[in-house]
C-alpha atoms as a PDB file:
ATOM      1  CA  MET A   1      20.520  -8.762   5.395  1.00  0.00           C
ATOM      2  CA  ILE A   2      19.302 -11.964   2.982  1.00  0.00           C
ATOM      3  CA  GLN A   3      17.505 -10.178   0.164  1.00  0.00           C
ATOM      4  CA  CYS A   4      13.484 -10.472   0.534  1.00  0.00           C
ATOM      5  CA  LYS A   5      11.229 -10.811  -2.581  1.00  0.00           C
ATOM      6  CA  LYS A   6       8.327  -8.670  -2.462  1.00  0.00           C
ATOM      7  CA  ILE A   7       4.845  -8.407  -3.941  1.00  0.00           C
ATOM      8  CA  ILE A   8       3.111  -5.805  -4.808  1.00  0.00           C
ATOM      9  CA  LEU A   9      -0.907  -5.508  -4.652  1.00  0.00           C
ATOM     10  CA  SER A  10      -1.660  -3.044  -7.558  1.00  0.00           C
ATOM     11  CA  THR A  11      -5.373  -1.766  -8.837  1.00  0.00           C
ATOM     12  CA  ILE A  12      -4.728  -0.070 -11.739  1.00  0.00           C
ATOM     13  CA  ALA A  13      -6.070   1.663 -15.056  1.00  0.00           C
ATOM     14  CA  ALA A  14     -10.047   0.647 -15.775  1.00  0.00           C
ATOM     15  CA  LEU A  15     -10.772  -1.402 -12.818  1.00  0.00           C
ATOM     16  CA  GLY A  16      -9.711   1.335 -10.012  1.00  0.00           C
ATOM     17  CA  ILE A  17     -11.114   3.957 -12.398  1.00  0.00           C
ATOM     18  CA  ALA A  18     -14.730   1.780 -11.302  1.00  0.00           C
ATOM     19  CA  CYS A  19     -13.551   2.626  -7.982  1.00  0.00           C
ATOM     20  CA  PHE A  20     -13.998   6.364  -8.352  1.00  0.00           C
ATOM     21  CA  ALA A  21     -16.582   6.641 -11.732  1.00  0.00           C
ATOM     22  CA  GLY A  22     -20.328   8.030 -10.604  1.00  0.00           C
ATOM     23  CA  GLY A  23     -20.470  11.739 -10.722  1.00  0.00           C
ATOM     24  CA  THR A  24     -19.006  14.619 -12.568  1.00  0.00           C
ATOM     25  CA  ALA A  25     -16.562  17.905 -11.681  1.00  0.00           C
ATOM     26  CA  ASP A  26     -17.507  21.403 -12.302  1.00  0.00           C
ATOM     27  CA  ALA A  27     -16.129  22.327 -13.946  1.00  0.00           C
ATOM     28  CA  ALA A  28     -14.779  25.708 -13.007  1.00  0.00           C
ATOM     29  CA  SER A  29     -13.671  25.251  -9.329  1.00  0.00           C
ATOM     30  CA  VAL A  30     -13.725  22.431  -7.047  1.00  0.00           C
ATOM     31  CA  LYS A  31     -12.758  23.228  -3.266  1.00  0.00           C
ATOM     32  CA  ILE A  32     -10.934  21.200  -1.201  1.00  0.00           C
ATOM     33  CA  ASP A  33     -12.600  20.617   1.928  1.00  0.00           C
ATOM     34  CA  GLU A  34     -12.916  17.754   4.053  1.00  0.00           C
ATOM     35  CA  LYS A  35     -16.912  17.326   1.912  1.00  0.00           C
ATOM     36  CA  THR A  36     -15.605  17.180  -1.707  1.00  0.00           C
ATOM     37  CA  PHE A  37     -13.033  15.415   0.178  1.00  0.00           C
ATOM     38  CA  PRO A  38     -14.299  13.436   3.282  1.00  0.00           C
ATOM     39  CA  ASN A  39     -10.786  11.590   3.555  1.00  0.00           C
ATOM     40  CA  ALA A  40      -7.703  13.288   4.878  1.00  0.00           C
ATOM     41  CA  CYS A  41      -5.408  11.220   2.935  1.00  0.00           C
ATOM     42  CA  VAL A  42      -7.350  11.822  -0.166  1.00  0.00           C
ATOM     43  CA  ARG A  43      -8.087  15.122   0.566  1.00  0.00           C
ATOM     44  CA  THR A  44      -4.563  15.121   0.756  1.00  0.00           C
ATOM     45  CA  PHE A  45      -3.544  13.962  -2.683  1.00  0.00           C
ATOM     46  CA  ALA A  46      -6.033  17.073  -4.025  1.00  0.00           C
ATOM     47  CA  ASN A  47      -3.816  19.358  -2.023  1.00  0.00           C
ATOM     48  CA  LYS A  48      -0.705  18.174  -4.220  1.00  0.00           C
ATOM     49  CA  GLN A  49      -2.507  18.470  -6.792  1.00  0.00           C
ATOM     50  CA  ASP A  50      -3.572  22.621  -6.351  1.00  0.00           C
ATOM     51  CA  THR A  51      -0.328  23.771  -7.971  1.00  0.00           C
ATOM     52  CA  ASN A  52      -0.925  27.384  -7.878  1.00  0.00           C
ATOM     53  CA  HIS A  53      -2.596  26.860  -4.221  1.00  0.00           C
ATOM     54  CA  ASP A  54      -5.463  28.631  -3.509  1.00  0.00           C
ATOM     55  CA  GLY A  55      -7.374  26.337  -2.118  1.00  0.00           C
ATOM     56  CA  GLU A  56      -9.253  24.915  -5.519  1.00  0.00           C
ATOM     57  CA  LEU A  57      -8.911  22.883  -7.984  1.00  0.00           C
ATOM     58  CA  SER A  58      -9.203  23.855 -10.942  1.00  0.00           C
ATOM     59  CA  ASP A  59     -10.206  22.902 -14.322  1.00  0.00           C
ATOM     60  CA  ALA A  60      -6.349  23.049 -16.036  1.00  0.00           C
ATOM     61  CA  GLU A  61      -5.507  21.421 -13.222  1.00  0.00           C
ATOM     62  CA  ILE A  62      -8.023  18.192 -13.002  1.00  0.00           C
ATOM     63  CA  LYS A  63      -7.465  17.951 -16.514  1.00  0.00           C
ATOM     64  CA  ALA A  64      -3.447  17.475 -15.801  1.00  0.00           C
ATOM     65  CA  VAL A  65      -3.922  14.807 -13.039  1.00  0.00           C
ATOM     66  CA  THR A  66      -4.409  11.863 -15.404  1.00  0.00           C
ATOM     67  CA  LYS A  67      -3.035   8.568 -13.030  1.00  0.00           C
ATOM     68  CA  LEU A  68      -3.239   8.111  -9.361  1.00  0.00           C
ATOM     69  CA  ASP A  69      -0.234   6.020  -7.936  1.00  0.00           C
ATOM     70  CA  TRP A  70       0.817   5.751  -4.123  1.00  0.00           C
ATOM     71  CA  ASN A  71       3.535   3.220  -3.829  1.00  0.00           C
ATOM     72  CA  GLU A  72       6.061   2.343  -1.106  1.00  0.00           C
ATOM     73  CA  GLN A  73       7.960   4.699  -1.590  1.00  0.00           C
ATOM     74  CA  ASN A  74       4.750   7.717  -1.006  1.00  0.00           C
ATOM     75  CA  LEU A  75       2.342   6.472   0.950  1.00  0.00           C
ATOM     76  CA  TYR A  76       3.227   7.937   4.508  1.00  0.00           C
ATOM     77  CA  THR A  77       3.389  11.213   2.457  1.00  0.00           C
ATOM     78  CA  TYR A  78      -0.659  11.393   2.828  1.00  0.00           C
ATOM     79  CA  GLY A  79      -0.871   9.907   5.839  1.00  0.00           C
ATOM     80  CA  VAL A  80      -1.421   6.328   4.405  1.00  0.00           C
ATOM     81  CA  THR A  81      -0.766   3.976   7.825  1.00  0.00           C
ATOM     82  CA  SER A  82      -1.257   0.240   8.375  1.00  0.00           C
ATOM     83  CA  GLY A  83      -4.998  -0.753   8.361  1.00  0.00           C
ATOM     84  CA  MET A  84      -5.987   2.212   7.259  1.00  0.00           C
ATOM     85  CA  GLU A  85      -9.281   2.489   5.495  1.00  0.00           C
ATOM     86  CA  ILE A  86      -9.209   5.080   2.505  1.00  0.00           C
ATOM     87  CA  ASP A  87     -12.599   6.201   1.631  1.00  0.00           C
ATOM     88  CA  PHE A  88     -12.021   7.471  -2.384  1.00  0.00           C
ATOM     89  CA  THR A  89     -14.993   9.942  -2.246  1.00  0.00           C
ATOM     90  CA  GLY A  90     -13.864  12.667  -3.966  1.00  0.00           C
ATOM     91  CA  MET A  91     -11.740  11.874  -6.532  1.00  0.00           C
ATOM     92  CA  GLU A  92     -14.169  11.460  -8.910  1.00  0.00           C
ATOM     93  CA  VAL A  93     -13.420  14.658  -9.505  1.00  0.00           C
ATOM     94  CA  PHE A  94     -10.626  13.503 -11.173  1.00  0.00           C
ATOM     95  CA  THR A  95     -12.693  13.109 -14.325  1.00  0.00           C
ATOM     96  CA  ASN A  96      -9.749  13.111 -16.567  1.00  0.00           C
ATOM     97  CA  LEU A  97      -6.973  10.469 -14.626  1.00  0.00           C
ATOM     98  CA  LYS A  98      -6.592   7.151 -16.448  1.00  0.00           C
ATOM     99  CA  GLN A  99      -4.644   5.039 -14.364  1.00  0.00           C
ATOM    100  CA  VAL A 100      -5.107   4.300 -10.644  1.00  0.00           C
ATOM    101  CA  THR A 101      -1.869   2.121  -8.366  1.00  0.00           C
ATOM    102  CA  ILE A 102      -2.740   1.282  -5.297  1.00  0.00           C
ATOM    103  CA  GLU A 103       0.296  -0.973  -3.838  1.00  0.00           C
ATOM    104  CA  GLN A 104       0.522  -3.080  -0.669  1.00  0.00           C
ATOM    105  CA  LEU A 105      -3.574  -2.225  -0.680  1.00  0.00           C
ATOM    106  CA  PHE A 106      -7.612  -3.890  -1.741  1.00  0.00           C
ATOM    107  CA  GLN A 107      -9.363  -1.898  -4.199  1.00  0.00           C
ATOM    108  CA  GLY A 108     -11.719  -0.309  -1.675  1.00  0.00           C
ATOM    109  CA  GLY A 109      -8.861   0.756   0.785  1.00  0.00           C
ATOM    110  CA  LYS A 110      -7.771  -1.877   3.377  1.00  0.00           C
ATOM    111  CA  TYR A 111      -4.428  -3.484   3.637  1.00  0.00           C
ATOM    112  CA  ASN A 112      -4.004  -7.141   2.430  1.00  0.00           C
ATOM    113  CA  CYS A 113      -3.634  -8.358   5.956  1.00  0.00           C
ATOM    114  CA  LYS A 114      -3.278 -11.848   4.633  1.00  0.00           C
ATOM    115  CA  TYR A 115      -0.175 -10.793   2.516  1.00  0.00           C
ATOM    116  CA  TRP A 116       1.090  -8.979   5.896  1.00  0.00           C
ATOM    117  CA  ASN A 117       0.866 -11.725   8.089  1.00  0.00           C
ATOM    118  CA  CYS A 118       1.930 -14.807   5.186  1.00  0.00           C
ATOM    119  CA  GLU A 119      -1.717 -16.350   5.088  1.00  0.00           C
ATOM    120  CA  PRO A 120      -2.192 -18.605   2.730  1.00  0.00           C
ATOM    121  CA  TYR A 121      -4.481 -15.698  -0.504  1.00  0.00           C
ATOM    122  CA  LEU A 122      -4.686 -16.157  -3.859  1.00  0.00           C
ATOM    123  CA  GLY A 123      -4.366 -13.952  -6.764  1.00  0.00           C
ATOM    124  CA  PHE A 124      -6.674 -13.822  -9.739  1.00  0.00           C
ATOM    125  CA  GLY A 125      -5.572 -12.162 -13.138  1.00  0.00           C
ATOM    126  CA  ALA A 126      -3.053 -10.579 -15.585  1.00  0.00           C
ATOM    127  CA  SER A 127       0.162  -9.987 -12.800  1.00  0.00           C
ATOM    128  CA  ALA A 128      -1.713 -11.104  -9.990  1.00  0.00           C
ATOM    129  CA  HIS A 129       0.994 -13.142  -7.531  1.00  0.00           C
ATOM    130  CA  SER A 130      -0.887 -16.081  -4.946  1.00  0.00           C
ATOM    131  CA  CYS A 131       0.773 -17.735  -2.033  1.00  0.00           C
ATOM    132  CA  TYR A 132      -0.809 -21.066  -1.065  1.00  0.00           C
ATOM    133  CA  GLY A 133       0.689 -25.109  -0.617  1.00  0.00           C
ATOM    134  CA  GLY A 134       4.299 -23.644   0.302  1.00  0.00           C
ATOM    135  CA  LYS A 135       5.315 -21.627  -2.440  1.00  0.00           C
ATOM    136  CA  ARG A 136       4.431 -18.003  -4.195  1.00  0.00           C
ATOM    137  CA  LEU A 137       3.656 -18.178  -7.564  1.00  0.00           C
ATOM    138  CA  TYR A 138       2.318 -14.840 -10.766  1.00  0.00           C
ATOM    139  CA  VAL A 139       0.507 -14.768 -13.360  1.00  0.00           C
ATOM    140  CA  PRO A 140       2.409 -13.410 -16.824  1.00  0.00           C
ATOM    141  CA  SER A 141       1.981  -9.573 -16.939  1.00  0.00           C
ATOM    142  CA  ASP A 142       0.868  -9.505 -21.376  1.00  0.00           C
ATOM    143  CA  LEU A 143      -3.096  -9.828 -21.198  1.00  0.00           C
ATOM    144  CA  GLN A 144      -4.390 -10.642 -24.259  1.00  0.00           C
ATOM    145  CA  ALA A 145      -1.925 -14.145 -23.169  1.00  0.00           C
ATOM    146  CA  PHE A 146      -4.233 -14.206 -19.765  1.00  0.00           C
ATOM    147  CA  CYS A 147      -7.596 -13.976 -22.168  1.00  0.00           C
ATOM    148  CA  ALA A 148      -6.947 -16.577 -24.234  1.00  0.00           C
ATOM    149  CA  ALA A 149      -5.627 -19.270 -21.591  1.00  0.00           C
ATOM    150  CA  ALA A 150      -8.455 -21.472 -21.119  1.00  0.00           C
ATOM    151  CA  THR A 151      -7.247 -21.853 -17.663  1.00  0.00           C
ATOM    152  CA  GLN A 152      -5.022 -18.461 -15.415  1.00  0.00           C
ATOM    153  CA  PRO A 153      -1.220 -19.573 -16.555  1.00  0.00           C
ATOM    154  CA  THR A 154       1.151 -19.003 -13.613  1.00  0.00           C
ATOM    155  CA  VAL A 155       4.952 -19.514 -13.360  1.00  0.00           C
ATOM    156  CA  LEU A 156       6.108 -20.140  -9.323  1.00  0.00           C
ATOM    157  CA  GLU A 157       8.117 -17.954  -8.056  1.00  0.00           C
ATOM    158  CA  ASP A 158       9.518 -18.784  -4.364  1.00  0.00           C
ATOM    159  CA  ASP A 159       8.833 -22.562  -3.420  1.00  0.00           C
ATOM    160  CA  ASN A 160      10.459 -21.399   0.200  1.00  0.00           C
ATOM    161  CA  PRO A 161       8.332 -18.226   1.549  1.00  0.00           C
ATOM    162  CA  CYS A 162       6.989 -17.273   4.676  1.00  0.00           C
ATOM    163  CA  THR A 163       9.622 -17.227   6.407  1.00  0.00           C
ATOM    164  CA  ARG A 164      10.806 -15.835  10.006  1.00  0.00           C
ATOM    165  CA  GLU A 165      12.910 -12.858   8.341  1.00  0.00           C
ATOM    166  CA  GLU A 166      10.100 -12.151   5.937  1.00  0.00           C
ATOM    167  CA  GLN A 167       7.628 -12.767   8.929  1.00  0.00           C
ATOM    168  CA  ILE A 168       9.447 -10.019  10.882  1.00  0.00           C
ATOM    169  CA  LEU A 169       9.974  -7.395   7.445  1.00  0.00           C
ATOM    170  CA  LEU A 170       6.537  -7.834   6.444  1.00  0.00           C
ATOM    171  CA  GLY A 171       4.497  -7.587  10.422  1.00  0.00           C
ATOM    172  CA  LEU A 172       7.021  -5.082  11.763  1.00  0.00           C
ATOM    173  CA  ARG A 173       4.840  -2.596   9.333  1.00  0.00           C
ATOM    174  CA  LEU A 174       1.727  -3.912  10.990  1.00  0.00           C
ATOM    175  CA  ARG A 175       0.219  -1.388  13.953  1.00  0.00           C
ATOM    176  CA  LYS A 176      -0.110  -4.279  16.242  1.00  0.00           C
ATOM    177  CA  GLY A 177       3.901  -5.420  15.566  1.00  0.00           C
ATOM    178  CA  ILE A 178       5.806  -9.382  16.279  1.00  0.00           C
ATOM    179  CA  PRO A 179       6.472 -11.172  18.900  1.00  0.00           C
ATOM    180  CA  CYS A 180       9.672 -10.040  20.485  1.00  0.00           C
ATOM    181  CA  SER A 181      10.045 -14.502  20.732  1.00  0.00           C
ATOM    182  CA  TRP A 182      10.759 -13.979  16.929  1.00  0.00           C
ATOM    183  CA  LEU A 183      14.036 -11.768  17.262  1.00  0.00           C
ATOM    184  CA  HIS A 184      16.744 -12.306  19.317  1.00  0.00           C
ATOM    185  CA  THR A 185      18.444 -10.639  21.791  1.00  0.00           C
ATOM    186  CA  GLU A 186      21.233  -9.084  19.474  1.00  0.00           C
ATOM    187  CA  GLN A 187      18.004  -7.606  17.286  1.00  0.00           C
ATOM    188  CA  LEU A 188      15.576  -6.560  20.875  1.00  0.00           C
ATOM    189  CA  GLN A 189      18.828  -4.598  21.806  1.00  0.00           C
ATOM    190  CA  LYS A 190      18.406  -2.733  18.532  1.00  0.00           C
ATOM    191  CA  LEU A 191      14.456  -1.960  18.349  1.00  0.00           C
ATOM    192  CA  GLN A 192      15.553  -0.631  22.310  1.00  0.00           C
ATOM    193  CA  ARG A 193      17.498   2.222  20.992  1.00  0.00           C
ATOM    194  CA  TYR A 194      15.059   3.306  18.405  1.00  0.00           C
ATOM    195  CA  ALA A 195      12.191   3.082  21.695  1.00  0.00           C
ATOM    196  CA  ALA A 196      14.466   5.307  23.150  1.00  0.00           C
ATOM    197  CA  GLY A 197      13.632   8.425  20.260  1.00  0.00           C
ATOM    198  CA  GLY A 198       9.915   7.368  20.341  1.00  0.00           C
ATOM    199  CA  LEU A 199      10.398   5.044  17.117  1.00  0.00           C
ATOM    200  CA  VAL A 200       9.357   2.071  18.323  1.00  0.00           C
ATOM    201  CA  GLU A 201       7.153   0.571  21.255  1.00  0.00           C
ATOM    202  CA  PHE A 202       7.065  -2.061  23.462  1.00  0.00           C
ATOM    203  CA  LEU A 203       4.054  -3.731  24.204  1.00  0.00           C
ATOM    204  CA  ASN A 204       3.853  -7.109  26.728  1.00  0.00           C
ATOM    205  CA  ASP A 205       5.476  -9.482  24.160  1.00  0.00           C
ATOM    206  CA  ARG A 206       5.473  -7.555  21.303  1.00  0.00           C
ATOM    207  CA  VAL A 207       7.276  -4.873  19.734  1.00  0.00           C
ATOM    208  CA  ALA A 208       5.648  -2.554  17.480  1.00  0.00           C
ATOM    209  CA  LEU A 209       7.144   1.143  14.960  1.00  0.00           C
ATOM    210  CA  THR A 210       5.514   3.789  16.283  1.00  0.00           C
ATOM    211  CA  PRO A 211       3.648   6.168  13.906  1.00  0.00           C
ATOM    212  CA  GLN A 212       7.087   8.234  13.454  1.00  0.00           C
ATOM    213  CA  GLY A 213       8.930   5.496  13.107  1.00  0.00           C
ATOM    214  CA  CYS A 214       6.364   3.893  10.283  1.00  0.00           C
ATOM    215  CA  LEU A 215       7.921   6.828   8.204  1.00  0.00           C
ATOM    216  CA  VAL A 216      11.682   5.129   9.114  1.00  0.00           C
ATOM    217  CA  SER A 217      10.620   1.123   8.367  1.00  0.00           C
ATOM    218  CA  ASN A 218      13.262   0.640   5.700  1.00  0.00           C
ATOM    219  CA  ALA A 219      15.718   2.351   7.749  1.00  0.00           C
ATOM    220  CA  ILE A 220      15.014  -0.079  10.758  1.00  0.00           C
ATOM    221  CA  LEU A 221      14.298  -3.243   8.901  1.00  0.00           C
ATOM    222  CA  ALA A 222      17.533  -3.129   7.411  1.00  0.00           C
ATOM    223  CA  GLU A 223      19.290  -2.579  10.314  1.00  0.00           C
ATOM    224  CA  ILE A 224      17.802  -5.388  12.662  1.00  0.00           C
ATOM    225  CA  LEU A 225      17.550  -7.633   9.190  1.00  0.00           C
END
């Protein structure tokens, strides 16, 4: 398989922490329920911090949480699926949170659909990525150099982005899937075998991963690309 380059869109440190600002938690304990954490994915995160499994977050458990790191390896363990909107209400209880990284998600919880659909997009700030004019660019991560520059510095990363392989790689991670016409016969046959196991579904002239298939999407994509 030709290895496709990946872009990671992250909300880090102060930018991400600002999303959760606006309240303080009762230091005694915080009950993990729908009232405190309305969103099931955020509630799952809170439950993972409940080390003694008593259904509450103690002061010690709250202070132990210094970062929120949702990445492509663990997103689905919290129940995050393509196209989902996430309400982060309740995260303000983690008063010791210092770093927030949410990969492949817009700040606020929406997936970056332009990225996933291989459409042009612009990124601003240190470490940001952009794809426009038939080129993929990134901004160096040196924050001091970025602030000192008169204009945003960029480095060419890929002068031929959004190939058919990349469209398949990204498109099959979306709930709507991709047109069957993007795939050749052998690829379709492999996906039909996965369909028999409930991991893939064919919808008229499109093919998509099921929620179960999303959990093993890397393995499926590795086989067909």
